[in-house]
């Protein structure tokens, strides 16, 4: 049976099957885009992800971004060392306050909520302590 099939027939059938397979795969993946083409409505990236100017964060200067990364790295390093040393929650809070006070430009940053979430998450994962909203706010107090 296999001797009656030529190599050219084999490759032609294989190419046809692969084309059909990838056509169905792409049709499933780009279903919404294909439907919008059939209806005549053109969707651009602006239509897909509209930006609300009221909630959009301003583009930060490179110094703010570098300060955010530096502070995040320093907090991560500090919490890792605190976990190894078995520091108490008060000691960790004091250390976090010292680190945050090194970066006064981030006190009123638009990224402060994200930094607070990062601090809370890092404390939970590295030191197994939970900081509530009031304790997070105490970290940002300038002393």
N, C-alpha and C. Protein backbone atom coordinates (compact mmCIF):
# COMPACT_ATOMS: atom_id res chain seq x y z
N UNK A 1 0.82 -1.19 0.00
CA UNK A 1 0.00 0.00 0.00
C UNK A 1 0.87 1.26 0.00
N UNK A 2 1.89 1.28 0.85
CA UNK A 2 2.74 2.46 0.92
C UNK A 2 3.64 2.61 -0.31
N UNK A 3 3.85 1.55 -1.01
CA UNK A 3 4.69 1.65 -2.20
C UNK A 3 3.99 2.36 -3.35
N UNK A 4 2.65 2.44 -3.29
CA UNK A 4 1.92 3.11 -4.36
C UNK A 4 1.84 4.62 -4.16
N UNK A 5 2.27 5.12 -2.99
CA UNK A 5 2.26 6.56 -2.72
C UNK A 5 3.63 7.13 -3.06
N UNK A 6 3.65 8.13 -3.93
CA UNK A 6 4.93 8.73 -4.30
C UNK A 6 5.31 9.80 -3.28
N UNK A 7 6.57 10.16 -3.29
CA UNK A 7 7.04 11.19 -2.36
C UNK A 7 6.39 12.53 -2.66
N UNK A 8 6.18 12.86 -3.89
CA UNK A 8 5.55 14.14 -4.23
C UNK A 8 4.11 14.18 -3.71
N UNK A 9 3.40 13.07 -3.78
CA UNK A 9 2.03 13.00 -3.24
C UNK A 9 2.08 13.15 -1.71
N UNK A 10 3.02 12.46 -1.09
CA UNK A 10 3.16 12.53 0.36
C UNK A 10 3.39 13.97 0.82
N UNK A 11 4.35 14.66 0.17
CA UNK A 11 4.67 16.03 0.57
C UNK A 11 3.51 16.98 0.27
N UNK A 12 2.79 16.76 -0.82
CA UNK A 12 1.64 17.60 -1.16
C UNK A 12 0.53 17.46 -0.13
N UNK A 13 0.23 16.23 0.26
CA UNK A 13 -0.81 15.99 1.27
C UNK A 13 -0.36 16.57 2.61
N UNK A 14 0.88 16.36 2.97
CA UNK A 14 1.40 16.90 4.23
C UNK A 14 1.32 18.42 4.25
N UNK A 15 1.68 19.07 3.16
CA UNK A 15 1.60 20.54 3.09
C UNK A 15 0.16 21.00 3.21
N UNK A 16 -0.75 20.32 2.56
CA UNK A 16 -2.16 20.69 2.64
C UNK A 16 -2.72 20.54 4.04
N UNK A 17 -2.37 19.45 4.71
CA UNK A 17 -2.83 19.22 6.08
C UNK A 17 -2.25 20.28 7.01
N UNK A 18 -0.99 20.61 6.86
CA UNK A 18 -0.37 21.65 7.71
C UNK A 18 -1.01 23.02 7.47
N UNK A 19 -1.29 23.34 6.24
CA UNK A 19 -1.93 24.62 5.93
C UNK A 19 -3.32 24.68 6.59
N UNK A 20 -4.09 23.62 6.49
CA UNK A 20 -5.40 23.59 7.14
C UNK A 20 -5.28 23.68 8.66
N UNK A 21 -4.32 22.96 9.22
CA UNK A 21 -4.12 22.98 10.67
C UNK A 21 -3.82 24.40 11.16
N UNK A 22 -2.86 25.05 10.53
CA UNK A 22 -2.49 26.40 10.96
C UNK A 22 -3.57 27.42 10.64
N UNK A 23 -4.35 27.19 9.60
CA UNK A 23 -5.47 28.09 9.30
C UNK A 23 -6.50 28.02 10.42
N UNK A 24 -6.84 26.81 10.88
CA UNK A 24 -7.78 26.68 11.99
C UNK A 24 -7.20 27.23 13.28
N UNK A 25 -5.93 27.01 13.50
CA UNK A 25 -5.28 27.53 14.70
C UNK A 25 -5.31 29.05 14.73
N UNK A 26 -4.95 29.67 13.63
CA UNK A 26 -4.96 31.13 13.57
C UNK A 26 -6.38 31.69 13.62
N UNK A 27 -7.32 30.99 12.99
CA UNK A 27 -8.72 31.45 13.03
C UNK A 27 -9.24 31.42 14.46
N UNK A 28 -8.87 30.41 15.22
CA UNK A 28 -9.29 30.35 16.61
C UNK A 28 -8.62 31.41 17.46
N UNK A 29 -7.37 31.65 17.21
CA UNK A 29 -6.62 32.62 18.02
C UNK A 29 -7.03 34.06 17.70
N UNK A 30 -7.24 34.36 16.42
CA UNK A 30 -7.58 35.71 16.00
C UNK A 30 -9.06 35.82 15.64
N UNK A 31 -9.91 35.08 16.34
CA UNK A 31 -11.34 35.05 16.06
C UNK A 31 -11.97 36.44 16.10
N UNK A 32 -11.67 37.21 17.14
CA UNK A 32 -12.28 38.55 17.27
C UNK A 32 -11.82 39.50 16.18
N UNK A 33 -10.55 39.43 15.84
CA UNK A 33 -10.03 40.32 14.80
C UNK A 33 -10.62 39.97 13.43
N UNK A 34 -10.78 38.68 13.16
CA UNK A 34 -11.37 38.26 11.89
C UNK A 34 -12.83 38.68 11.82
N UNK A 35 -13.54 38.56 12.95
CA UNK A 35 -14.95 38.96 12.97
C UNK A 35 -15.07 40.46 12.73
N UNK A 36 -14.17 41.25 13.30
CA UNK A 36 -14.25 42.69 13.08
C UNK A 36 -13.93 43.05 11.63
N UNK A 37 -13.08 42.27 10.97
CA UNK A 37 -12.80 42.51 9.55
C UNK A 37 -14.03 42.22 8.69
N UNK A 38 -14.78 41.16 9.04
CA UNK A 38 -15.97 40.81 8.27
C UNK A 38 -17.07 41.85 8.45
N UNK A 39 -17.18 42.43 9.65
CA UNK A 39 -18.21 43.43 9.89
C UNK A 39 -17.82 44.79 9.37
N UNK A 40 -16.56 44.99 9.07
CA UNK A 40 -16.10 46.25 8.51
C UNK A 40 -15.60 47.24 9.53
N UNK A 41 -15.70 46.91 10.80
CA UNK A 41 -15.18 47.82 11.83
C UNK A 41 -13.71 47.51 12.04
N UNK A 42 -12.90 48.53 11.94
CA UNK A 42 -11.46 48.37 12.10
C UNK A 42 -11.11 48.69 13.53
N UNK A 43 -10.42 47.75 14.19
CA UNK A 43 -10.00 47.97 15.57
C UNK A 43 -8.50 48.17 15.59
N UNK A 44 -8.10 49.23 16.23
CA UNK A 44 -6.67 49.49 16.39
C UNK A 44 -6.28 49.23 17.82
N UNK A 45 -5.02 49.36 18.11
CA UNK A 45 -4.57 49.17 19.49
C UNK A 45 -5.19 50.20 20.41
N UNK A 46 -5.46 51.40 19.91
CA UNK A 46 -6.09 52.43 20.73
C UNK A 46 -7.49 52.01 21.13
N UNK A 47 -8.20 51.33 20.24
CA UNK A 47 -9.54 50.86 20.55
C UNK A 47 -9.52 49.71 21.55
N UNK A 48 -8.49 48.88 21.50
CA UNK A 48 -8.43 47.72 22.36
C UNK A 48 -8.08 48.07 23.79
N UNK A 49 -7.17 49.00 23.98
CA UNK A 49 -6.72 49.38 25.31
C UNK A 49 -6.82 50.89 25.49
N UNK A 50 -8.01 51.39 25.72
CA UNK A 50 -8.12 52.83 25.89
C UNK A 50 -7.48 53.27 27.20
N UNK A 51 -6.89 54.44 27.17
CA UNK A 51 -6.24 54.99 28.35
C UNK A 51 -7.10 56.12 28.88
N UNK A 52 -7.45 56.01 30.14
CA UNK A 52 -8.22 57.06 30.78
C UNK A 52 -7.23 58.12 31.27
N UNK A 53 -7.31 59.34 30.75
CA UNK A 53 -6.33 60.34 31.16
C UNK A 53 -6.41 60.70 32.64
N UNK A 54 -7.56 60.45 33.28
CA UNK A 54 -7.68 60.77 34.70
C UNK A 54 -6.89 59.81 35.57
N UNK A 55 -6.81 58.53 35.13
CA UNK A 55 -6.12 57.53 35.94
C UNK A 55 -4.74 57.20 35.43
N UNK A 56 -4.36 57.75 34.29
CA UNK A 56 -3.05 57.45 33.72
C UNK A 56 -1.96 58.07 34.58
N UNK A 57 -0.90 57.32 34.77
CA UNK A 57 0.21 57.82 35.57
C UNK A 57 1.15 58.62 34.68
N UNK A 58 1.69 59.70 35.19
CA UNK A 58 2.61 60.48 34.37
C UNK A 58 3.89 59.70 34.11
N UNK A 59 4.49 60.01 33.00
CA UNK A 59 5.75 59.36 32.67
C UNK A 59 6.81 59.89 33.63
N UNK A 60 7.43 58.98 34.35
CA UNK A 60 8.42 59.38 35.35
C UNK A 60 9.75 59.65 34.69
N UNK A 61 10.50 60.47 35.36
CA UNK A 61 11.86 60.72 34.91
C UNK A 61 12.70 59.49 35.23
N UNK A 62 13.79 59.36 34.57
CA UNK A 62 14.64 58.19 34.78
C UNK A 62 15.16 58.13 36.21
N UNK A 63 15.31 59.28 36.87
CA UNK A 63 15.79 59.27 38.25
C UNK A 63 14.75 58.67 39.19
N UNK A 64 13.45 58.94 38.93
CA UNK A 64 12.40 58.34 39.76
C UNK A 64 12.35 56.84 39.56
N UNK A 65 12.46 56.42 38.34
CA UNK A 65 12.41 54.99 38.05
C UNK A 65 13.61 54.29 38.67
N UNK A 66 14.77 54.89 38.56
CA UNK A 66 15.96 54.28 39.17
C UNK A 66 15.84 54.29 40.69
N UNK A 67 15.23 55.32 41.26
CA UNK A 67 15.03 55.36 42.72
C UNK A 67 14.06 54.27 43.16
N UNK A 68 13.03 54.02 42.36
CA UNK A 68 12.07 52.96 42.69
C UNK A 68 12.77 51.61 42.67
N UNK A 69 13.57 51.37 41.63
CA UNK A 69 14.28 50.10 41.56
C UNK A 69 15.30 49.96 42.68
N UNK A 70 15.99 51.04 42.99
CA UNK A 70 16.98 50.98 44.07
C UNK A 70 16.31 50.70 45.41
N UNK A 71 15.18 51.37 45.66
CA UNK A 71 14.47 51.16 46.92
C UNK A 71 13.93 49.73 46.99
N UNK A 72 13.37 49.22 45.90
CA UNK A 72 12.84 47.86 45.88
C UNK A 72 13.94 46.85 46.12
N UNK A 73 15.09 47.05 45.50
CA UNK A 73 16.22 46.15 45.72
C UNK A 73 16.70 46.18 47.16
N UNK A 74 16.79 47.39 47.70
CA UNK A 74 17.27 47.53 49.08
C UNK A 74 16.29 46.91 50.07
N UNK A 75 15.00 47.08 49.83
CA UNK A 75 13.99 46.48 50.72
C UNK A 75 14.06 44.96 50.62
N UNK A 76 14.18 44.44 49.41
CA UNK A 76 14.28 42.99 49.25
C UNK A 76 15.49 42.42 49.95
N UNK A 77 16.61 43.11 49.83
CA UNK A 77 17.85 42.67 50.49
C UNK A 77 17.69 42.73 52.00
N UNK A 78 17.13 43.81 52.50
CA UNK A 78 16.94 43.98 53.94
C UNK A 78 16.02 42.90 54.50
N UNK A 79 14.92 42.61 53.80
CA UNK A 79 13.98 41.62 54.30
C UNK A 79 14.56 40.21 54.25
N UNK A 80 15.39 39.94 53.28
CA UNK A 80 16.06 38.64 53.22
C UNK A 80 16.99 38.46 54.42
N UNK A 81 17.75 39.52 54.73
CA UNK A 81 18.66 39.46 55.88
C UNK A 81 17.87 39.37 57.18
N UNK A 82 16.75 40.09 57.25
CA UNK A 82 15.92 40.05 58.46
C UNK A 82 15.35 38.67 58.68
N UNK A 83 14.96 38.01 57.60
CA UNK A 83 14.42 36.65 57.73
C UNK A 83 15.50 35.69 58.22
N UNK A 84 16.73 35.85 57.72
CA UNK A 84 17.82 34.99 58.16
C UNK A 84 18.16 35.23 59.62
N UNK A 85 18.11 36.49 60.04
CA UNK A 85 18.46 36.84 61.42
C UNK A 85 17.31 36.62 62.39
N UNK A 86 16.09 36.44 61.89
CA UNK A 86 14.94 36.25 62.76
C UNK A 86 14.53 37.53 63.48
N UNK A 87 14.62 38.67 62.80
CA UNK A 87 14.26 39.94 63.41
C UNK A 87 12.77 40.00 63.76
N UNK A 88 12.46 40.78 64.77
CA UNK A 88 11.07 40.99 65.18
C UNK A 88 10.38 41.99 64.25
N UNK A 89 9.07 42.01 64.34
CA UNK A 89 8.28 42.89 63.48
C UNK A 89 8.64 44.36 63.69
N UNK A 90 8.87 44.76 64.95
CA UNK A 90 9.23 46.16 65.23
C UNK A 90 10.56 46.52 64.58
N UNK A 91 11.52 45.60 64.64
CA UNK A 91 12.82 45.85 64.03
C UNK A 91 12.70 45.96 62.51
N UNK A 92 11.85 45.12 61.94
CA UNK A 92 11.65 45.17 60.49
C UNK A 92 10.97 46.47 60.10
N UNK A 93 9.98 46.88 60.87
CA UNK A 93 9.28 48.15 60.59
C UNK A 93 10.27 49.32 60.66
N UNK A 94 11.13 49.32 61.68
CA UNK A 94 12.12 50.38 61.82
C UNK A 94 13.07 50.40 60.63
N UNK A 95 13.54 49.23 60.23
CA UNK A 95 14.45 49.16 59.09
C UNK A 95 13.79 49.62 57.80
N UNK A 96 12.54 49.23 57.60
CA UNK A 96 11.81 49.67 56.42
C UNK A 96 11.64 51.20 56.41
N UNK A 97 11.36 51.75 57.59
CA UNK A 97 11.21 53.21 57.70
C UNK A 97 12.52 53.91 57.35
N UNK A 98 13.65 53.34 57.78
CA UNK A 98 14.95 53.93 57.47
C UNK A 98 15.21 53.90 55.96
N UNK A 99 14.85 52.80 55.32
CA UNK A 99 15.07 52.68 53.88
C UNK A 99 14.18 53.66 53.12
N UNK A 100 12.90 53.72 53.49
CA UNK A 100 11.96 54.60 52.80
C UNK A 100 12.36 56.06 52.97
N UNK A 101 12.90 56.42 54.13
CA UNK A 101 13.31 57.81 54.37
C UNK A 101 14.52 58.21 53.53
N UNK A 102 15.25 57.24 52.97
CA UNK A 102 16.37 57.55 52.08
C UNK A 102 15.89 58.06 50.73
N UNK A 103 14.63 57.82 50.42
CA UNK A 103 14.07 58.19 49.11
C UNK A 103 12.88 59.14 49.29
N UNK A 104 13.14 60.40 49.67
CA UNK A 104 12.03 61.34 49.92
C UNK A 104 11.23 61.67 48.66
N UNK A 105 11.84 61.53 47.48
CA UNK A 105 11.11 61.86 46.26
C UNK A 105 9.97 60.87 46.00
N UNK A 106 10.06 59.69 46.60
CA UNK A 106 9.02 58.68 46.38
C UNK A 106 7.86 58.79 47.37
N UNK A 107 7.99 59.70 48.34
CA UNK A 107 6.91 59.88 49.31
C UNK A 107 5.60 60.29 48.64
N UNK A 108 5.69 61.16 47.64
CA UNK A 108 4.49 61.63 46.94
C UNK A 108 4.43 61.11 45.52
N UNK A 109 5.11 60.01 45.26
CA UNK A 109 5.15 59.45 43.91
C UNK A 109 3.81 58.84 43.53
N UNK A 110 3.53 58.82 42.25
CA UNK A 110 2.30 58.19 41.76
C UNK A 110 2.38 56.67 41.93
N UNK A 111 3.57 56.16 42.14
CA UNK A 111 3.77 54.72 42.28
C UNK A 111 3.79 54.27 43.73
N UNK A 112 3.42 55.14 44.65
CA UNK A 112 3.45 54.77 46.07
C UNK A 112 2.53 53.58 46.38
N UNK A 113 1.31 53.51 45.84
CA UNK A 113 0.48 52.32 46.13
C UNK A 113 1.13 51.01 45.69
N UNK A 114 1.79 51.03 44.54
CA UNK A 114 2.46 49.83 44.08
C UNK A 114 3.66 49.48 44.98
N UNK A 115 4.35 50.51 45.45
CA UNK A 115 5.47 50.28 46.37
C UNK A 115 4.95 49.69 47.69
N UNK A 116 3.81 50.19 48.16
CA UNK A 116 3.22 49.66 49.39
C UNK A 116 2.83 48.20 49.21
N UNK A 117 2.27 47.86 48.07
CA UNK A 117 1.92 46.47 47.80
C UNK A 117 3.17 45.59 47.76
N UNK A 118 4.23 46.12 47.16
CA UNK A 118 5.48 45.37 47.08
C UNK A 118 6.04 45.14 48.48
N UNK A 119 6.01 46.16 49.33
CA UNK A 119 6.52 46.02 50.70
C UNK A 119 5.71 44.97 51.45
N UNK A 120 4.40 45.04 51.34
CA UNK A 120 3.54 44.10 52.03
C UNK A 120 3.78 42.67 51.55
N UNK A 121 3.88 42.51 50.24
CA UNK A 121 4.10 41.18 49.67
C UNK A 121 5.46 40.62 50.08
N UNK A 122 6.49 41.44 50.01
CA UNK A 122 7.83 40.99 50.38
C UNK A 122 7.89 40.61 51.86
N UNK A 123 7.21 41.37 52.71
CA UNK A 123 7.19 41.05 54.14
C UNK A 123 6.50 39.71 54.38
N UNK A 124 5.41 39.48 53.66
CA UNK A 124 4.70 38.21 53.82
C UNK A 124 5.51 37.04 53.32
N UNK A 125 6.15 37.19 52.16
CA UNK A 125 6.85 36.05 51.58
C UNK A 125 8.21 35.79 52.21
N UNK A 126 8.93 36.83 52.55
CA UNK A 126 10.29 36.63 53.06
C UNK A 126 10.35 36.51 54.57
N UNK A 127 9.52 37.29 55.28
CA UNK A 127 9.61 37.31 56.74
C UNK A 127 8.40 36.69 57.43
N UNK A 128 7.39 36.32 56.67
CA UNK A 128 6.16 35.72 57.21
C UNK A 128 5.48 36.63 58.21
N UNK A 129 5.49 37.93 57.93
CA UNK A 129 4.74 38.87 58.76
C UNK A 129 3.74 39.60 57.88
N UNK A 130 2.62 39.95 58.47
CA UNK A 130 1.57 40.66 57.74
C UNK A 130 1.54 42.10 58.22
N UNK A 131 1.62 43.02 57.27
CA UNK A 131 1.51 44.45 57.59
C UNK A 131 0.15 44.94 57.11
N UNK A 132 -0.63 45.50 58.03
CA UNK A 132 -1.92 46.06 57.61
C UNK A 132 -1.71 47.46 57.06
N UNK A 133 -2.78 48.09 56.61
CA UNK A 133 -2.68 49.40 55.99
C UNK A 133 -2.09 50.46 56.90
N UNK A 134 -2.45 50.42 58.18
CA UNK A 134 -1.92 51.40 59.14
C UNK A 134 -0.42 51.23 59.32
N UNK A 135 0.03 49.99 59.39
CA UNK A 135 1.46 49.74 59.56
C UNK A 135 2.24 50.15 58.31
N UNK A 136 1.66 49.93 57.15
CA UNK A 136 2.31 50.37 55.91
C UNK A 136 2.43 51.89 55.91
N UNK A 137 1.40 52.59 56.37
CA UNK A 137 1.46 54.05 56.43
C UNK A 137 2.53 54.51 57.42
N UNK A 138 2.72 53.77 58.51
CA UNK A 138 3.75 54.11 59.48
C UNK A 138 5.15 53.99 58.88
N UNK A 139 5.31 53.08 57.94
CA UNK A 139 6.60 52.93 57.27
C UNK A 139 6.96 54.22 56.52
N UNK A 140 5.94 54.89 55.97
CA UNK A 140 6.19 56.10 55.17
C UNK A 140 6.33 57.36 56.00
N UNK A 141 6.12 57.27 57.32
CA UNK A 141 6.27 58.46 58.15
C UNK A 141 7.70 58.94 58.17
N UNK A 142 7.88 60.21 58.02
CA UNK A 142 9.23 60.80 58.04
C UNK A 142 9.58 61.15 59.47
N UNK A 143 10.71 60.65 59.92
CA UNK A 143 11.14 60.93 61.29
C UNK A 143 12.54 61.47 61.30
